[in-house]
């Protein structure tokens, strides 16, 4: 449930409510918004009841949350969450672009891409150091060496970096290098890993599972939020359907649906959603039109020679053109890039 405090509620009254909730067995989460202060009570309401909260001084209203996800709900936080990393905001007026190779292959490859995407206006460099591959014989990434190269590219080109963690054992290492920690689609329901990243305060990019419903996706986000990390970014990257022509089916309807039910920022990855480079630009443009807070694109200097996912990667030239197209749509809907 959510406890809405009076506009003029004192700090002492707020703390009294939180203490009463915790004494009743709830976990209390305080959120101070522009218009109101609310306290989210996380627990089994059918077993605990309302603990007499509505009668306490300073309480304006007690609202039950019917969704199984509580902290991710728009009821918990009316305003959209904006995640700030340095001078980059995700979830604000600017549509952010995360771009780079599927995997870090070499310093030359990574630096060439970083230079080109920065020149085109992207602020965040994506690149995999640890790669979850279907085949154990496929390229698995450069591991820590890849993380080091990403850090060097960040310093040289002024880019933030987002990279994937696959295992709690490597999380401290990835968190040391990354500005945004990515949870890939295969790990969306790795609940132990979700809890572990929830104990960090670094932003987490949570990709939608291959066959996950929107509710399951938001429940995965709830695991991270419930551990104390409010900095969750959702990423729609396509789901499996009966269609086989494209790699996946990119569910752009998820963007406005998420915006309706949740305060979390949401971005779109059309590269994985489509799997074929020629169809990626129009879907990137459509993602901006749908209201996405960002777009993630795979870019490689020579996709034919890419060690993974070359078929869905844009060349730097195609990426620059796509950036211009997205910027045009962003301006038309009152946003910027």
C-alpha atoms as a PDB file:
ATOM      1  CA  UNK A   1       0.000   0.000   0.000  1.00  0.00           C
ATOM      2  CA  UNK A   2       0.945   3.656  -0.350  1.00  0.00           C
ATOM      3  CA  UNK A   3       0.571   6.199   2.424  1.00  0.00           C
ATOM      4  CA  UNK A   4       0.089   9.721   1.085  1.00  0.00           C
ATOM      5  CA  UNK A   5       1.195  12.329   3.610  1.00  0.00           C
ATOM      6  CA  UNK A   6      -0.396  15.741   4.073  1.00  0.00           C
ATOM      7  CA  UNK A   7       1.371  18.523   2.203  1.00  0.00           C
ATOM      8  CA  UNK A   8       2.350  20.113   5.540  1.00  0.00           C
ATOM      9  CA  UNK A   9       3.228  16.873   7.359  1.00  0.00           C
ATOM     10  CA  UNK A  10       6.225  17.278   9.639  1.00  0.00           C
ATOM     11  CA  UNK A  11       9.366  15.165   9.530  1.00  0.00           C
ATOM     12  CA  UNK A  12       8.419  13.735  12.924  1.00  0.00           C
ATOM     13  CA  UNK A  13       5.032  12.619  11.598  1.00  0.00           C
ATOM     14  CA  UNK A  14       6.668  10.995   8.565  1.00  0.00           C
ATOM     15  CA  UNK A  15       9.110   9.097  10.771  1.00  0.00           C
ATOM     16  CA  UNK A  16       6.283   7.984  13.077  1.00  0.00           C
ATOM     17  CA  UNK A  17       4.427   6.456  10.133  1.00  0.00           C
ATOM     18  CA  UNK A  18       7.561   4.667   8.929  1.00  0.00           C
ATOM     19  CA  UNK A  19       8.248   3.280  12.405  1.00  0.00           C
ATOM     20  CA  UNK A  20       4.654   2.052  12.735  1.00  0.00           C
ATOM     21  CA  UNK A  21       4.895   0.285   9.375  1.00  0.00           C
ATOM     22  CA  UNK A  22       8.178  -1.407  10.228  1.00  0.00           C
ATOM     23  CA  UNK A  23       6.803  -2.491  13.612  1.00  0.00           C
ATOM     24  CA  UNK A  24       3.879  -4.105  11.768  1.00  0.00           C
ATOM     25  CA  UNK A  25       6.238  -6.100   9.553  1.00  0.00           C
ATOM     26  CA  UNK A  26       6.304  -3.883   6.463  1.00  0.00           C
ATOM     27  CA  UNK A  27       9.348  -2.513   4.672  1.00  0.00           C
ATOM     28  CA  UNK A  28       8.883   1.253   4.383  1.00  0.00           C
ATOM     29  CA  UNK A  29      10.173   3.178   1.355  1.00  0.00           C
ATOM     30  CA  UNK A  30      10.063   6.986   1.474  1.00  0.00           C
ATOM     31  CA  UNK A  31       9.588   8.979  -1.740  1.00  0.00           C
ATOM     32  CA  UNK A  32       9.566  12.775  -1.748  1.00  0.00           C
ATOM     33  CA  UNK A  33       7.965  14.010  -4.961  1.00  0.00           C
ATOM     34  CA  UNK A  34       7.363  17.496  -6.297  1.00  0.00           C
ATOM     35  CA  UNK A  35       3.696  17.491  -5.322  1.00  0.00           C
ATOM     36  CA  UNK A  36       3.567  15.046  -2.435  1.00  0.00           C
ATOM     37  CA  UNK A  37       5.480  12.854  -0.013  1.00  0.00           C
ATOM     38  CA  UNK A  38       4.482   9.215  -0.001  1.00  0.00           C
ATOM     39  CA  UNK A  39       5.584   6.124   1.868  1.00  0.00           C
ATOM     40  CA  UNK A  40       5.433   2.751   0.179  1.00  0.00           C
ATOM     41  CA  UNK A  41       4.627  -0.143   2.497  1.00  0.00           C
ATOM     42  CA  UNK A  42       5.939  -3.412   1.107  1.00  0.00           C
ATOM     43  CA  UNK A  43       4.563  -6.593   2.613  1.00  0.00           C
ATOM     44  CA  UNK A  44       1.618  -8.966   2.622  1.00  0.00           C
ATOM     45  CA  UNK A  45      -1.346  -6.656   3.215  1.00  0.00           C
ATOM     46  CA  UNK A  46      -3.739  -9.585   3.565  1.00  0.00           C
ATOM     47  CA  UNK A  47      -1.805 -10.755   6.626  1.00  0.00           C
ATOM     48  CA  UNK A  48      -0.815  -7.432   8.156  1.00  0.00           C
ATOM     49  CA  UNK A  49      -3.754  -5.101   7.526  1.00  0.00           C
ATOM     50  CA  UNK A  50      -3.296  -1.330   7.518  1.00  0.00           C
ATOM     51  CA  UNK A  51      -1.760  -1.217  11.050  1.00  0.00           C
ATOM     52  CA  UNK A  52      -3.996   1.754  11.915  1.00  0.00           C
ATOM     53  CA  UNK A  53      -1.908   3.996   9.686  1.00  0.00           C
ATOM     54  CA  UNK A  54      -4.774   6.108   8.353  1.00  0.00           C
ATOM     55  CA  UNK A  55      -5.479   7.430  11.871  1.00  0.00           C
ATOM     56  CA  UNK A  56      -1.965   8.786  12.430  1.00  0.00           C
ATOM     57  CA  UNK A  57      -1.323  12.560  12.333  1.00  0.00           C
ATOM     58  CA  UNK A  58      -0.070  13.834   8.998  1.00  0.00           C
ATOM     59  CA  UNK A  59      -1.584  10.997   6.933  1.00  0.00           C
ATOM     60  CA  UNK A  60      -3.812  12.182   4.084  1.00  0.00           C
ATOM     61  CA  UNK A  61      -4.736   8.852   2.525  1.00  0.00           C
ATOM     62  CA  UNK A  62      -3.901   5.144   2.413  1.00  0.00           C
ATOM     63  CA  UNK A  63      -4.071   3.624  -1.065  1.00  0.00           C
ATOM     64  CA  UNK A  64      -3.810  -0.112  -1.741  1.00  0.00           C
ATOM     65  CA  UNK A  65      -1.603  -1.070  -4.695  1.00  0.00           C
ATOM     66  CA  UNK A  66      -3.305  -3.795  -6.670  1.00  0.00           C
ATOM     67  CA  UNK A  67      -0.335  -4.540  -8.920  1.00  0.00           C
ATOM     68  CA  UNK A  68       2.130  -7.154  -7.640  1.00  0.00           C
ATOM     69  CA  UNK A  69       4.935  -4.677  -8.362  1.00  0.00           C
ATOM     70  CA  UNK A  70       4.863  -1.919  -5.748  1.00  0.00           C
ATOM     71  CA  UNK A  71       8.004   0.195  -5.950  1.00  0.00           C
ATOM     72  CA  UNK A  72       7.962   0.227  -9.765  1.00  0.00           C
ATOM     73  CA  UNK A  73       4.333   1.374  -9.825  1.00  0.00           C
ATOM     74  CA  UNK A  74       3.258   4.839 -10.988  1.00  0.00           C
ATOM     75  CA  UNK A  75       1.122   4.968  -7.828  1.00  0.00           C
ATOM     76  CA  UNK A  76       4.281   4.810  -5.738  1.00  0.00           C
ATOM     77  CA  UNK A  77       5.886   7.651  -7.665  1.00  0.00           C
ATOM     78  CA  UNK A  78       3.672   9.930  -9.728  1.00  0.00           C
ATOM     79  CA  UNK A  79       6.491  11.749 -11.525  1.00  0.00           C
ATOM     80  CA  UNK A  80       8.695   9.832 -13.931  1.00  0.00           C
ATOM     81  CA  UNK A  81      12.080   8.850 -12.541  1.00  0.00           C
ATOM     82  CA  UNK A  82      15.027  10.722 -14.047  1.00  0.00           C
ATOM     83  CA  UNK A  83      18.409   9.042 -13.576  1.00  0.00           C
ATOM     84  CA  UNK A  84      21.350  11.453 -13.612  1.00  0.00           C
ATOM     85  CA  UNK A  85      24.900  10.291 -14.334  1.00  0.00           C
ATOM     86  CA  UNK A  86      27.238  13.265 -14.518  1.00  0.00           C
ATOM     87  CA  UNK A  87      25.632  15.642 -17.003  1.00  0.00           C
ATOM     88  CA  UNK A  88      23.569  12.907 -18.685  1.00  0.00           C
ATOM     89  CA  UNK A  89      19.913  12.440 -17.757  1.00  0.00           C
ATOM     90  CA  UNK A  90      17.926   9.329 -18.652  1.00  0.00           C
ATOM     91  CA  UNK A  91      14.180   9.792 -18.393  1.00  0.00           C
ATOM     92  CA  UNK A  92      14.215  13.554 -18.863  1.00  0.00           C
ATOM     93  CA  UNK A  93      13.579  15.768 -21.863  1.00  0.00           C
ATOM     94  CA  UNK A  94      16.537  14.447 -23.846  1.00  0.00           C
ATOM     95  CA  UNK A  95      16.334  11.120 -25.684  1.00  0.00           C
ATOM     96  CA  UNK A  96      19.654   9.427 -24.925  1.00  0.00           C
ATOM     97  CA  UNK A  97      21.449   7.109 -27.326  1.00  0.00           C
ATOM     98  CA  UNK A  98      23.585   4.154 -26.252  1.00  0.00           C
ATOM     99  CA  UNK A  99      25.673   2.864 -29.140  1.00  0.00           C
ATOM    100  CA  UNK A 100      28.645   0.665 -29.819  1.00  0.00           C
ATOM    101  CA  UNK A 101      29.685  -2.859 -30.764  1.00  0.00           C
ATOM    102  CA  UNK A 102      27.988  -5.974 -29.485  1.00  0.00           C
ATOM    103  CA  UNK A 103      31.368  -7.093 -28.159  1.00  0.00           C
ATOM    104  CA  UNK A 104      34.639  -5.321 -27.472  1.00  0.00           C
ATOM    105  CA  UNK A 105      37.014  -7.016 -29.901  1.00  0.00           C
ATOM    106  CA  UNK A 106      40.094  -4.780 -29.888  1.00  0.00           C
ATOM    107  CA  UNK A 107      41.243  -1.296 -28.936  1.00  0.00           C
ATOM    108  CA  UNK A 108      41.248  -0.176 -32.558  1.00  0.00           C
ATOM    109  CA  UNK A 109      37.685  -1.395 -33.170  1.00  0.00           C
ATOM    110  CA  UNK A 110      36.311   0.111 -29.956  1.00  0.00           C
ATOM    111  CA  UNK A 111      38.045   3.477 -30.287  1.00  0.00           C
ATOM    112  CA  UNK A 112      36.971   3.913 -33.892  1.00  0.00           C
ATOM    113  CA  UNK A 113      33.345   3.307 -32.939  1.00  0.00           C
ATOM    114  CA  UNK A 114      33.576   5.521 -29.843  1.00  0.00           C
ATOM    115  CA  UNK A 115      34.971   8.420 -31.858  1.00  0.00           C
ATOM    116  CA  UNK A 116      32.288   8.120 -34.537  1.00  0.00           C
ATOM    117  CA  UNK A 117      29.287   7.783 -32.220  1.00  0.00           C
ATOM    118  CA  UNK A 118      30.470  10.720 -30.096  1.00  0.00           C
ATOM    119  CA  UNK A 119      30.783  12.849 -33.216  1.00  0.00           C
ATOM    120  CA  UNK A 120      27.200  11.916 -34.150  1.00  0.00           C
ATOM    121  CA  UNK A 121      25.834  12.956 -30.746  1.00  0.00           C
ATOM    122  CA  UNK A 122      25.651   9.765 -28.658  1.00  0.00           C
ATOM    123  CA  UNK A 123      26.614  10.115 -25.002  1.00  0.00           C
ATOM    124  CA  UNK A 124      26.801   6.470 -23.909  1.00  0.00           C
ATOM    125  CA  UNK A 125      29.083   3.740 -25.279  1.00  0.00           C
ATOM    126  CA  UNK A 126      27.795   0.170 -25.176  1.00  0.00           C
ATOM    127  CA  UNK A 127      30.065  -2.828 -25.494  1.00  0.00           C
ATOM    128  CA  UNK A 128      30.182  -6.339 -24.116  1.00  0.00           C
ATOM    129  CA  UNK A 129      33.193  -7.582 -22.165  1.00  0.00           C
ATOM    130  CA  UNK A 130      31.360 -10.717 -21.030  1.00  0.00           C
ATOM    131  CA  UNK A 131      29.129 -12.212 -23.718  1.00  0.00           C
ATOM    132  CA  UNK A 132      26.300 -14.712 -23.100  1.00  0.00           C
ATOM    133  CA  UNK A 133      26.381 -16.874 -26.234  1.00  0.00           C
ATOM    134  CA  UNK A 134      24.105 -19.731 -27.197  1.00  0.00           C
ATOM    135  CA  UNK A 135      27.096 -21.842 -28.215  1.00  0.00           C
ATOM    136  CA  UNK A 136      29.948 -22.459 -25.741  1.00  0.00           C
ATOM    137  CA  UNK A 137      32.330 -22.351 -28.719  1.00  0.00           C
ATOM    138  CA  UNK A 138      31.394 -18.812 -29.784  1.00  0.00           C
ATOM    139  CA  UNK A 139      33.412 -15.727 -28.803  1.00  0.00           C
ATOM    140  CA  UNK A 140      32.753 -15.100 -25.103  1.00  0.00           C
ATOM    141  CA  UNK A 141      34.287 -11.635 -24.783  1.00  0.00           C
ATOM    142  CA  UNK A 142      37.588 -10.181 -23.546  1.00  0.00           C
ATOM    143  CA  UNK A 143      36.506 -10.127 -19.878  1.00  0.00           C
ATOM    144  CA  UNK A 144      38.527  -7.681 -17.728  1.00  0.00           C
ATOM    145  CA  UNK A 145      40.637  -6.595 -20.693  1.00  0.00           C
ATOM    146  CA  UNK A 146      37.418  -5.529 -22.403  1.00  0.00           C
ATOM    147  CA  UNK A 147      36.386  -3.538 -19.330  1.00  0.00           C
ATOM    148  CA  UNK A 148      39.749  -1.793 -19.310  1.00  0.00           C
ATOM    149  CA  UNK A 149      39.373  -0.830 -22.961  1.00  0.00           C
ATOM    150  CA  UNK A 150      35.900   0.550 -22.284  1.00  0.00           C
ATOM    151  CA  UNK A 151      37.301   2.652 -19.446  1.00  0.00           C
ATOM    152  CA  UNK A 152      40.045   3.987 -21.731  1.00  0.00           C
ATOM    153  CA  UNK A 153      37.460   4.908 -24.374  1.00  0.00           C
ATOM    154  CA  UNK A 154      35.398   6.706 -21.722  1.00  0.00           C
ATOM    155  CA  UNK A 155      38.362   8.857 -20.740  1.00  0.00           C
ATOM    156  CA  UNK A 156      39.404   9.631 -24.308  1.00  0.00           C
ATOM    157  CA  UNK A 157      35.981  10.439 -25.785  1.00  0.00           C
ATOM    158  CA  UNK A 158      33.964  11.607 -22.777  1.00  0.00           C
ATOM    159  CA  UNK A 159      31.393   8.829 -23.005  1.00  0.00           C
ATOM    160  CA  UNK A 160      29.595   6.932 -20.265  1.00  0.00           C
ATOM    161  CA  UNK A 161      29.801   3.161 -20.596  1.00  0.00           C
ATOM    162  CA  UNK A 162      27.151   0.457 -20.244  1.00  0.00           C
ATOM    163  CA  UNK A 163      28.204  -3.178 -20.171  1.00  0.00           C
ATOM    164  CA  UNK A 164      26.662  -6.476 -19.140  1.00  0.00           C
ATOM    165  CA  UNK A 165      27.181  -8.503 -15.995  1.00  0.00           C
ATOM    166  CA  UNK A 166      26.339 -12.205 -16.169  1.00  0.00           C
ATOM    167  CA  UNK A 167      27.504 -13.573 -12.846  1.00  0.00           C
ATOM    168  CA  UNK A 168      27.421 -12.281  -9.248  1.00  0.00           C
ATOM    169  CA  UNK A 169      31.058 -13.346  -8.967  1.00  0.00           C
ATOM    170  CA  UNK A 170      32.143 -10.754 -11.559  1.00  0.00           C
ATOM    171  CA  UNK A 171      29.701  -8.049 -10.412  1.00  0.00           C
ATOM    172  CA  UNK A 172      32.200  -6.143  -8.225  1.00  0.00           C
ATOM    173  CA  UNK A 173      34.626  -6.006 -11.160  1.00  0.00           C
ATOM    174  CA  UNK A 174      32.004  -4.881 -13.682  1.00  0.00           C
ATOM    175  CA  UNK A 175      30.625  -2.298 -11.226  1.00  0.00           C
ATOM    176  CA  UNK A 176      34.125  -0.897 -10.786  1.00  0.00           C
ATOM    177  CA  UNK A 177      34.329  -0.025 -14.500  1.00  0.00           C
ATOM    178  CA  UNK A 178      30.734   0.506 -15.654  1.00  0.00           C
ATOM    179  CA  UNK A 179      28.621   3.645 -15.364  1.00  0.00           C
ATOM    180  CA  UNK A 180      25.511   1.550 -16.087  1.00  0.00           C
ATOM    181  CA  UNK A 181      25.313  -2.166 -15.311  1.00  0.00           C
ATOM    182  CA  UNK A 182      23.338  -4.147 -17.867  1.00  0.00           C
ATOM    183  CA  UNK A 183      21.279  -7.229 -17.014  1.00  0.00           C
ATOM    184  CA  UNK A 184      20.753  -9.112 -20.247  1.00  0.00           C
ATOM    185  CA  UNK A 185      17.594 -10.800 -21.440  1.00  0.00           C
ATOM    186  CA  UNK A 186      18.746 -14.273 -20.364  1.00  0.00           C
ATOM    187  CA  UNK A 187      19.261 -13.043 -16.801  1.00  0.00           C
ATOM    188  CA  UNK A 188      16.076 -11.015 -16.407  1.00  0.00           C
ATOM    189  CA  UNK A 189      14.755 -13.638 -14.005  1.00  0.00           C
ATOM    190  CA  UNK A 190      18.068 -14.490 -12.361  1.00  0.00           C
ATOM    191  CA  UNK A 191      16.667 -13.281  -9.060  1.00  0.00           C
ATOM    192  CA  UNK A 192      19.873 -13.763  -7.113  1.00  0.00           C
ATOM    193  CA  UNK A 193      21.759 -11.547  -9.579  1.00  0.00           C
ATOM    194  CA  UNK A 194      18.942  -8.974  -9.482  1.00  0.00           C
ATOM    195  CA  UNK A 195      19.178  -8.788  -5.700  1.00  0.00           C
ATOM    196  CA  UNK A 196      22.941  -8.381  -5.895  1.00  0.00           C
ATOM    197  CA  UNK A 197      22.819  -5.426  -8.325  1.00  0.00           C
ATOM    198  CA  UNK A 198      20.057  -3.985  -6.139  1.00  0.00           C
ATOM    199  CA  UNK A 199      22.590  -3.601  -3.347  1.00  0.00           C
ATOM    200  CA  UNK A 200      24.665  -1.270  -5.510  1.00  0.00           C
ATOM    201  CA  UNK A 201      23.611   2.308  -6.214  1.00  0.00           C
ATOM    202  CA  UNK A 202      24.794   2.266  -9.814  1.00  0.00           C
ATOM    203  CA  UNK A 203      22.147   2.537 -12.539  1.00  0.00           C
ATOM    204  CA  UNK A 204      20.956  -0.835 -13.846  1.00  0.00           C
ATOM    205  CA  UNK A 205      19.732  -1.393 -17.397  1.00  0.00           C
ATOM    206  CA  UNK A 206      17.258  -4.283 -17.226  1.00  0.00           C
ATOM    207  CA  UNK A 207      16.480  -5.915 -20.556  1.00  0.00           C
ATOM    208  CA  UNK A 208      13.163  -7.639 -21.090  1.00  0.00           C
ATOM    209  CA  UNK A 209      13.288 -11.430 -21.123  1.00  0.00           C
ATOM    210  CA  UNK A 210      12.878 -13.359 -24.367  1.00  0.00           C
ATOM    211  CA  UNK A 211       9.307 -14.385 -23.541  1.00  0.00           C
ATOM    212  CA  UNK A 212       8.542 -12.163 -20.563  1.00  0.00           C
ATOM    213  CA  UNK A 213       5.234 -10.415 -20.085  1.00  0.00           C
ATOM    214  CA  UNK A 214       5.292  -6.754 -19.087  1.00  0.00           C
ATOM    215  CA  UNK A 215       4.241  -7.708 -15.561  1.00  0.00           C
ATOM    216  CA  UNK A 216       7.074 -10.253 -15.249  1.00  0.00           C
ATOM    217  CA  UNK A 217       9.510  -7.602 -16.495  1.00  0.00           C
ATOM    218  CA  UNK A 218       8.308  -5.079 -13.905  1.00  0.00           C
ATOM    219  CA  UNK A 219       8.479  -7.727 -11.204  1.00  0.00           C
ATOM    220  CA  UNK A 220      12.133  -8.304 -12.126  1.00  0.00           C
ATOM    221  CA  UNK A 221      12.699  -4.560 -11.697  1.00  0.00           C
ATOM    222  CA  UNK A 222      10.969  -4.827  -8.323  1.00  0.00           C
ATOM    223  CA  UNK A 223      13.704  -7.187  -7.116  1.00  0.00           C
ATOM    224  CA  UNK A 224      16.327  -4.506  -7.783  1.00  0.00           C
ATOM    225  CA  UNK A 225      14.241  -1.681  -6.311  1.00  0.00           C
ATOM    226  CA  UNK A 226      13.383  -3.668  -3.195  1.00  0.00           C
ATOM    227  CA  UNK A 227      17.079  -3.975  -2.336  1.00  0.00           C
ATOM    228  CA  UNK A 228      17.445  -0.193  -2.215  1.00  0.00           C
ATOM    229  CA  UNK A 229      18.661   0.717  -5.711  1.00  0.00           C
ATOM    230  CA  UNK A 230      16.158   3.148  -7.301  1.00  0.00           C
ATOM    231  CA  UNK A 231      18.173   3.604 -10.498  1.00  0.00           C
ATOM    232  CA  UNK A 232      16.538   1.106 -12.852  1.00  0.00           C
ATOM    233  CA  UNK A 233      16.222   1.632 -16.611  1.00  0.00           C
ATOM    234  CA  UNK A 234      13.988  -0.763 -18.533  1.00  0.00           C
ATOM    235  CA  UNK A 235      14.989  -1.891 -22.027  1.00  0.00           C
ATOM    236  CA  UNK A 236      12.589  -3.368 -24.575  1.00  0.00           C
ATOM    237  CA  UNK A 237      14.648  -5.580 -26.903  1.00  0.00           C
ATOM    238  CA  UNK A 238      12.097  -7.743 -28.638  1.00  0.00           C
ATOM    239  CA  UNK A 239      10.275 -10.894 -27.601  1.00  0.00           C
ATOM    240  CA  UNK A 240       9.808 -14.305 -29.193  1.00  0.00           C
ATOM    241  CA  UNK A 241       6.641 -14.793 -31.206  1.00  0.00           C
ATOM    242  CA  UNK A 242       5.609 -17.052 -34.068  1.00  0.00           C
ATOM    243  CA  UNK A 243       7.297 -14.663 -36.553  1.00  0.00           C
ATOM    244  CA  UNK A 244      10.683 -15.930 -37.753  1.00  0.00           C
ATOM    245  CA  UNK A 245      11.664 -13.429 -40.447  1.00  0.00           C
ATOM    246  CA  UNK A 246      13.077 -11.017 -37.885  1.00  0.00           C
ATOM    247  CA  UNK A 247      15.251 -12.148 -34.996  1.00  0.00           C
ATOM    248  CA  UNK A 248      12.555 -11.158 -32.492  1.00  0.00           C
ATOM    249  CA  UNK A 249       9.341  -9.138 -32.496  1.00  0.00           C
ATOM    250  CA  UNK A 250      10.040  -5.612 -31.273  1.00  0.00           C
ATOM    251  CA  UNK A 251       7.161  -4.700 -28.960  1.00  0.00           C
ATOM    252  CA  UNK A 252       6.988  -0.907 -29.226  1.00  0.00           C
ATOM    253  CA  UNK A 253       3.581  -0.936 -27.543  1.00  0.00           C
ATOM    254  CA  UNK A 254       5.487  -1.790 -24.352  1.00  0.00           C
ATOM    255  CA  UNK A 255       6.842   1.779 -24.222  1.00  0.00           C
ATOM    256  CA  UNK A 256       3.528   3.633 -23.632  1.00  0.00           C
ATOM    257  CA  UNK A 257       2.232   0.740 -21.506  1.00  0.00           C
ATOM    258  CA  UNK A 258       5.264   0.930 -19.219  1.00  0.00           C
ATOM    259  CA  UNK A 259       4.961   4.714 -19.093  1.00  0.00           C
ATOM    260  CA  UNK A 260       1.356   4.322 -17.953  1.00  0.00           C
ATOM    261  CA  UNK A 261       1.954   1.786 -15.201  1.00  0.00           C
ATOM    262  CA  UNK A 262       5.493   2.620 -14.067  1.00  0.00           C
ATOM    263  CA  UNK A 263       7.606   5.675 -13.315  1.00  0.00           C
ATOM    264  CA  UNK A 264      10.815   3.997 -14.535  1.00  0.00           C
ATOM    265  CA  UNK A 265      12.529   5.238 -17.701  1.00  0.00           C
ATOM    266  CA  UNK A 266      12.358   2.906 -20.687  1.00  0.00           C
ATOM    267  CA  UNK A 267      14.627   2.596 -23.705  1.00  0.00           C
ATOM    268  CA  UNK A 268      14.424   0.453 -26.848  1.00  0.00           C
ATOM    269  CA  UNK A 269      17.032  -1.804 -28.470  1.00  0.00           C
ATOM    270  CA  UNK A 270      15.908  -2.280 -32.094  1.00  0.00           C
ATOM    271  CA  UNK A 271      19.162  -4.015 -33.038  1.00  0.00           C
ATOM    272  CA  UNK A 272      18.308  -7.134 -31.029  1.00  0.00           C
ATOM    273  CA  UNK A 273      14.616  -6.636 -31.641  1.00  0.00           C
ATOM    274  CA  UNK A 274      14.989  -6.900 -35.419  1.00  0.00           C
ATOM    275  CA  UNK A 275      18.304  -8.648 -35.999  1.00  0.00           C
ATOM    276  CA  UNK A 276      18.671  -7.246 -39.537  1.00  0.00           C
ATOM    277  CA  UNK A 277      20.515  -3.951 -39.964  1.00  0.00           C
ATOM    278  CA  UNK A 278      18.372  -2.556 -42.798  1.00  0.00           C
ATOM    279  CA  UNK A 279      15.266  -2.541 -40.587  1.00  0.00           C
ATOM    280  CA  UNK A 280      16.932  -1.125 -37.477  1.00  0.00           C
ATOM    281  CA  UNK A 281      16.850   2.619 -38.408  1.00  0.00           C
ATOM    282  CA  UNK A 282      13.075   2.852 -38.999  1.00  0.00           C
ATOM    283  CA  UNK A 283      12.388   1.032 -35.736  1.00  0.00           C
ATOM    284  CA  UNK A 284      14.811   3.326 -33.892  1.00  0.00           C
ATOM    285  CA  UNK A 285      12.886   6.307 -35.240  1.00  0.00           C
ATOM    286  CA  UNK A 286       9.588   4.650 -34.294  1.00  0.00           C
ATOM    287  CA  UNK A 287      10.892   4.076 -30.747  1.00  0.00           C
ATOM    288  CA  UNK A 288      11.464   7.808 -30.327  1.00  0.00           C
ATOM    289  CA  UNK A 289       7.964   8.501 -31.668  1.00  0.00           C
ATOM    290  CA  UNK A 290       6.520   5.986 -29.176  1.00  0.00           C
ATOM    291  CA  UNK A 291       7.988   7.967 -26.277  1.00  0.00           C
ATOM    292  CA  UNK A 292      11.127   5.995 -25.431  1.00  0.00           C
ATOM    293  CA  UNK A 293      13.633   7.756 -23.178  1.00  0.00           C
ATOM    294  CA  UNK A 294      16.508   6.326 -25.153  1.00  0.00           C
ATOM    295  CA  UNK A 295      17.609   4.007 -27.930  1.00  0.00           C
ATOM    296  CA  UNK A 296      20.372   1.379 -27.871  1.00  0.00           C
ATOM    297  CA  UNK A 297      22.036   0.633 -31.211  1.00  0.00           C
ATOM    298  CA  UNK A 298      24.800  -1.717 -32.260  1.00  0.00           C
ATOM    299  CA  UNK A 299      27.504  -0.027 -34.332  1.00  0.00           C
ATOM    300  CA  UNK A 300      30.578  -1.676 -35.846  1.00  0.00           C
ATOM    301  CA  UNK A 301      33.199  -0.231 -38.222  1.00  0.00           C
ATOM    302  CA  UNK A 302      33.018  -3.364 -40.382  1.00  0.00           C
ATOM    303  CA  UNK A 303      29.949  -5.477 -39.563  1.00  0.00           C
ATOM    304  CA  UNK A 304      30.970  -8.217 -41.999  1.00  0.00           C
ATOM    305  CA  UNK A 305      33.972  -8.998 -39.795  1.00  0.00           C
ATOM    306  CA  UNK A 306      32.202  -8.622 -36.423  1.00  0.00           C
ATOM    307  CA  UNK A 307      32.785 -11.486 -34.011  1.00  0.00           C
ATOM    308  CA  UNK A 308      29.120 -11.418 -33.001  1.00  0.00           C
ATOM    309  CA  UNK A 309      25.856  -9.868 -34.222  1.00  0.00           C
ATOM    310  CA  UNK A 310      27.322  -8.297 -37.339  1.00  0.00           C
ATOM    311  CA  UNK A 311      24.053  -8.819 -39.210  1.00  0.00           C
ATOM    312  CA  UNK A 312      22.248  -6.328 -36.959  1.00  0.00           C
ATOM    313  CA  UNK A 313      25.030  -3.753 -36.635  1.00  0.00           C
ATOM    314  CA  UNK A 314      25.029  -0.358 -38.317  1.00  0.00           C
ATOM    315  CA  UNK A 315      28.112   1.169 -39.880  1.00  0.00           C
ATOM    316  CA  UNK A 316      29.128   4.550 -38.409  1.00  0.00           C
ATOM    317  CA  UNK A 317      27.781   6.227 -41.563  1.00  0.00           C
ATOM    318  CA  UNK A 318      24.355   4.563 -41.223  1.00  0.00           C
ATOM    319  CA  UNK A 319      24.363   5.382 -37.531  1.00  0.00           C
ATOM    320  CA  UNK A 320      24.961   9.085 -38.214  1.00  0.00           C
ATOM    321  CA  UNK A 321      22.029   9.146 -40.616  1.00  0.00           C
ATOM    322  CA  UNK A 322      19.796   7.367 -38.094  1.00  0.00           C
ATOM    323  CA  UNK A 323      20.756   9.905 -35.433  1.00  0.00           C
ATOM    324  CA  UNK A 324      19.604  12.739 -37.690  1.00  0.00           C
ATOM    325  CA  UNK A 325      16.305  10.991 -38.362  1.00  0.00           C
ATOM    326  CA  UNK A 326      15.690  10.350 -34.663  1.00  0.00           C
ATOM    327  CA  UNK A 327      16.522  13.961 -33.823  1.00  0.00           C
ATOM    328  CA  UNK A 328      13.890  15.144 -36.291  1.00  0.00           C
ATOM    329  CA  UNK A 329      11.197  13.013 -34.654  1.00  0.00           C
ATOM    330  CA  UNK A 330      12.334  14.057 -31.167  1.00  0.00           C
ATOM    331  CA  UNK A 331      11.859  17.727 -32.076  1.00  0.00           C
ATOM    332  CA  UNK A 332       8.412  16.982 -33.529  1.00  0.00           C
ATOM    333  CA  UNK A 333       7.201  15.508 -30.211  1.00  0.00           C
ATOM    334  CA  UNK A 334       8.752  18.209 -28.039  1.00  0.00           C
ATOM    335  CA  UNK A 335      11.937  16.425 -26.968  1.00  0.00           C
ATOM    336  CA  UNK A 336      15.556  16.787 -27.938  1.00  0.00           C
ATOM    337  CA  UNK A 337      18.672  14.723 -28.593  1.00  0.00           C
END
